[in-house]
Amino acid sequence: MTTSIAVTIAGSDSGGGAGIQADLKTFSACGVYGASAVVALTAQNTLGVRRVEAVGLEMVADQIDAVAEDLRPAAWKTGMLGTAEIIAVVVVALLGSVLAVAVPARRAASASVVAALRYE
C-alpha cells in the first residue's frame, strides 16, 4: 500500500500551534506523508503574533515546483497566504490540482488578500 502525500502551503508558526507545523502534525496523525511550502515566517507564541514576514515570490514558486516534481502529491492545502501576490503564485502553480483552502476562525487577512483570493 502506498502512503498518500499532501502538501500544505502556509505560514510557519514559531509557537508550533498553527500553520505549517500544525498541518504536518495533522497529516501525520491521519497516516498521510506531509510536505510543505512556506510562504511566511512568523514570530508568535500562545499569547499572540509579534511579526510576520513574507517569503519571496520566486522562492514560493520554487518550493511548490520542487515538491510537485518529485513527490506527486495527491492533495494540496493552503493556510495563511499573506499577500495577493502570493495567492497569484499559488493559483498559477496549482491549476488543475486538488486544493483545500483553510478559512481561519478569526480574520487574519487584509481586504486586498481576500479580494485576490475571490478573484483567482
C-alpha atoms as a PDB file:
ATOM      1  CA  MET A   1       0.000   0.000   0.000  1.00  0.00           C
ATOM      2  CA  THR A   2       1.289   3.440  -0.917  1.00  0.00           C
ATOM      3  CA  THR A   3       1.202   6.302   1.575  1.00  0.00           C
ATOM      4  CA  SER A   4      -0.748   9.315   0.357  1.00  0.00           C
ATOM      5  CA  ILE A   5       1.119  12.603   0.106  1.00  0.00           C
ATOM      6  CA  ALA A   6      -0.367  16.007   0.937  1.00  0.00           C
ATOM      7  CA  VAL A   7       1.309  19.401   0.826  1.00  0.00           C
ATOM      8  CA  THR A   8       0.500  22.397   2.976  1.00  0.00           C
ATOM      9  CA  ILE A   9       1.229  25.863   1.642  1.00  0.00           C
ATOM     10  CA  ALA A  10       1.106  28.269   4.552  1.00  0.00           C
ATOM     11  CA  GLY A  11       2.969  30.318   7.110  1.00  0.00           C
ATOM     12  CA  SER A  12       5.317  28.906   9.707  1.00  0.00           C
ATOM     13  CA  ASP A  13       4.209  29.289  13.330  1.00  0.00           C
ATOM     14  CA  SER A  14       7.217  29.545  15.636  1.00  0.00           C
ATOM     15  CA  GLY A  15       4.982  28.519  18.541  1.00  0.00           C
ATOM     16  CA  GLY A  16       4.024  25.289  16.773  1.00  0.00           C
ATOM     17  CA  GLY A  17       0.284  25.600  17.333  1.00  0.00           C
ATOM     18  CA  ALA A  18      -0.825  26.638  13.852  1.00  0.00           C
ATOM     19  CA  GLY A  19       0.357  26.970  10.282  1.00  0.00           C
ATOM     20  CA  ILE A  20       2.721  24.520   8.640  1.00  0.00           C
ATOM     21  CA  GLN A  21       3.631  22.894  11.940  1.00  0.00           C
ATOM     22  CA  ALA A  22       0.029  22.085  12.882  1.00  0.00           C
ATOM     23  CA  ASP A  23      -0.784  20.891   9.361  1.00  0.00           C
ATOM     24  CA  LEU A  24       2.144  18.466   9.307  1.00  0.00           C
ATOM     25  CA  LYS A  25       1.128  17.066  12.709  1.00  0.00           C
ATOM     26  CA  THR A  26      -2.419  16.559  11.419  1.00  0.00           C
ATOM     27  CA  PHE A  27      -1.236  14.868   8.221  1.00  0.00           C
ATOM     28  CA  SER A  28       0.924  12.501  10.262  1.00  0.00           C
ATOM     29  CA  ALA A  29      -1.904  11.672  12.666  1.00  0.00           C
ATOM     30  CA  CYS A  30      -4.032  10.744   9.630  1.00  0.00           C
ATOM     31  CA  GLY A  31      -1.338   8.490   8.163  1.00  0.00           C
ATOM     32  CA  VAL A  32      -0.513  10.935   5.358  1.00  0.00           C
ATOM     33  CA  TYR A  33       3.034  11.912   4.403  1.00  0.00           C
ATOM     34  CA  GLY A  34       3.242  15.695   4.694  1.00  0.00           C
ATOM     35  CA  ALA A  35       5.375  18.117   2.727  1.00  0.00           C
ATOM     36  CA  SER A  36       5.284  21.903   2.756  1.00  0.00           C
ATOM     37  CA  ALA A  37       5.896  25.201   1.036  1.00  0.00           C
ATOM     38  CA  VAL A  38       6.479  28.037   3.491  1.00  0.00           C
ATOM     39  CA  VAL A  39       5.055  31.398   2.367  1.00  0.00           C
ATOM     40  CA  ALA A  40       5.600  33.415   5.540  1.00  0.00           C
ATOM     41  CA  LEU A  41       7.583  33.312   8.746  1.00  0.00           C
ATOM     42  CA  THR A  42       6.004  34.390  11.983  1.00  0.00           C
ATOM     43  CA  ALA A  43       7.296  35.295  15.400  1.00  0.00           C
ATOM     44  CA  GLN A  44       4.479  34.106  17.608  1.00  0.00           C
ATOM     45  CA  ASN A  45       3.541  32.135  20.661  1.00  0.00           C
ATOM     46  CA  THR A  46       0.342  31.272  22.505  1.00  0.00           C
ATOM     47  CA  LEU A  47      -0.049  34.927  23.515  1.00  0.00           C
ATOM     48  CA  GLY A  48      -0.076  36.377  20.014  1.00  0.00           C
ATOM     49  CA  VAL A  49       1.680  37.211  16.769  1.00  0.00           C
ATOM     50  CA  ARG A  50       4.619  39.606  17.053  1.00  0.00           C
ATOM     51  CA  ARG A  51       5.775  39.747  13.452  1.00  0.00           C
ATOM     52  CA  VAL A  52       5.037  38.278  10.013  1.00  0.00           C
ATOM     53  CA  GLU A  53       7.484  38.292   7.120  1.00  0.00           C
ATOM     54  CA  ALA A  54       6.538  37.047   3.648  1.00  0.00           C
ATOM     55  CA  VAL A  55       8.809  34.728   1.672  1.00  0.00           C
ATOM     56  CA  GLY A  56       9.827  35.931  -1.806  1.00  0.00           C
ATOM     57  CA  LEU A  57       7.559  35.015  -4.719  1.00  0.00           C
ATOM     58  CA  GLU A  58      10.223  33.068  -6.630  1.00  0.00           C
ATOM     59  CA  MET A  59      11.027  31.014  -3.535  1.00  0.00           C
ATOM     60  CA  VAL A  60       7.337  30.193  -3.031  1.00  0.00           C
ATOM     61  CA  ALA A  61       7.042  29.054  -6.656  1.00  0.00           C
ATOM     62  CA  ASP A  62      10.291  27.065  -6.442  1.00  0.00           C
ATOM     63  CA  GLN A  63       9.153  25.217  -3.305  1.00  0.00           C
ATOM     64  CA  ILE A  64       5.851  24.228  -4.939  1.00  0.00           C
ATOM     65  CA  ASP A  65       7.587  23.130  -8.151  1.00  0.00           C
ATOM     66  CA  ALA A  66      10.209  21.094  -6.275  1.00  0.00           C
ATOM     67  CA  VAL A  67       7.632  19.217  -4.208  1.00  0.00           C
ATOM     68  CA  ALA A  68       5.308  18.624  -7.178  1.00  0.00           C
ATOM     69  CA  GLU A  69       8.127  17.367  -9.401  1.00  0.00           C
ATOM     70  CA  ASP A  70       9.373  14.717  -7.004  1.00  0.00           C
ATOM     71  CA  LEU A  71       6.592  13.737  -4.617  1.00  0.00           C
ATOM     72  CA  ARG A  72       3.499  13.910  -6.849  1.00  0.00           C
ATOM     73  CA  PRO A  73       1.088  14.949  -4.060  1.00  0.00           C
ATOM     74  CA  ALA A  74      -2.483  13.675  -4.030  1.00  0.00           C
ATOM     75  CA  ALA A  75      -3.715  16.894  -2.397  1.00  0.00           C
ATOM     76  CA  TRP A  76      -2.667  20.432  -1.547  1.00  0.00           C
ATOM     77  CA  LYS A  77      -3.884  22.509   1.398  1.00  0.00           C
ATOM     78  CA  THR A  78      -3.460  26.220   1.890  1.00  0.00           C
ATOM     79  CA  GLY A  79      -3.397  28.207   5.074  1.00  0.00           C
ATOM     80  CA  MET A  80      -2.370  31.816   5.521  1.00  0.00           C
ATOM     81  CA  LEU A  81      -1.003  33.011   2.195  1.00  0.00           C
ATOM     82  CA  GLY A  82      -0.488  36.569   3.361  1.00  0.00           C
ATOM     83  CA  THR A  83      -0.444  38.658   0.182  1.00  0.00           C
ATOM     84  CA  ALA A  84      -2.367  38.939  -3.059  1.00  0.00           C
ATOM     85  CA  GLU A  85       0.871  38.284  -4.952  1.00  0.00           C
ATOM     86  CA  ILE A  86       1.499  35.007  -3.123  1.00  0.00           C
ATOM     87  CA  ILE A  87      -2.082  33.934  -3.812  1.00  0.00           C
ATOM     88  CA  ALA A  88      -1.496  34.545  -7.532  1.00  0.00           C
ATOM     89  CA  VAL A  89       1.720  32.461  -7.486  1.00  0.00           C
ATOM     90  CA  VAL A  90      -0.053  29.585  -5.722  1.00  0.00           C
ATOM     91  CA  VAL A  91      -3.051  29.669  -8.068  1.00  0.00           C
ATOM     92  CA  VAL A  92      -0.858  29.537 -11.168  1.00  0.00           C
ATOM     93  CA  ALA A  93       1.321  26.759  -9.713  1.00  0.00           C
ATOM     94  CA  LEU A  94      -1.631  24.586  -8.737  1.00  0.00           C
ATOM     95  CA  LEU A  95      -4.002  24.939 -11.676  1.00  0.00           C
ATOM     96  CA  GLY A  96      -5.757  21.606 -12.073  1.00  0.00           C
ATOM     97  CA  SER A  97      -4.714  20.264  -8.654  1.00  0.00           C
ATOM     98  CA  VAL A  98      -6.938  19.173  -5.782  1.00  0.00           C
ATOM     99  CA  LEU A  99      -6.828  22.074  -3.325  1.00  0.00           C
ATOM    100  CA  ALA A 100      -8.302  22.708   0.114  1.00  0.00           C
ATOM    101  CA  VAL A 101      -8.373  26.298   1.350  1.00  0.00           C
ATOM    102  CA  ALA A 102      -8.369  26.850   5.100  1.00  0.00           C
ATOM    103  CA  VAL A 103     -10.659  29.575   6.401  1.00  0.00           C
ATOM    104  CA  PRO A 104      -9.477  30.777   9.808  1.00  0.00           C
ATOM    105  CA  ALA A 105     -11.915  31.255  12.667  1.00  0.00           C
ATOM    106  CA  ARG A 106     -10.803  34.841  13.005  1.00  0.00           C
ATOM    107  CA  ARG A 107      -9.984  37.045  10.083  1.00  0.00           C
ATOM    108  CA  ALA A 108      -6.230  37.389   9.627  1.00  0.00           C
ATOM    109  CA  ALA A 109      -6.184  38.630   6.035  1.00  0.00           C
ATOM    110  CA  SER A 110      -6.344  42.155   4.708  1.00  0.00           C
ATOM    111  CA  ALA A 111      -9.149  43.214   2.366  1.00  0.00           C
ATOM    112  CA  SER A 112      -6.785  43.078  -0.651  1.00  0.00           C
ATOM    113  CA  VAL A 113      -5.813  39.476   0.132  1.00  0.00           C
ATOM    114  CA  VAL A 114      -9.461  38.420   0.468  1.00  0.00           C
ATOM    115  CA  ALA A 115     -10.301  40.155  -2.831  1.00  0.00           C
ATOM    116  CA  ALA A 116      -7.394  38.420  -4.596  1.00  0.00           C
ATOM    117  CA  LEU A 117      -8.462  35.008  -3.332  1.00  0.00           C
ATOM    118  CA  ARG A 118     -12.014  35.597  -4.527  1.00  0.00           C
ATOM    119  CA  TYR A 119     -10.778  36.852  -7.917  1.00  0.00           C
ATOM    120  CA  GLU A 120      -8.355  33.995  -8.528  1.00  0.00           C
END
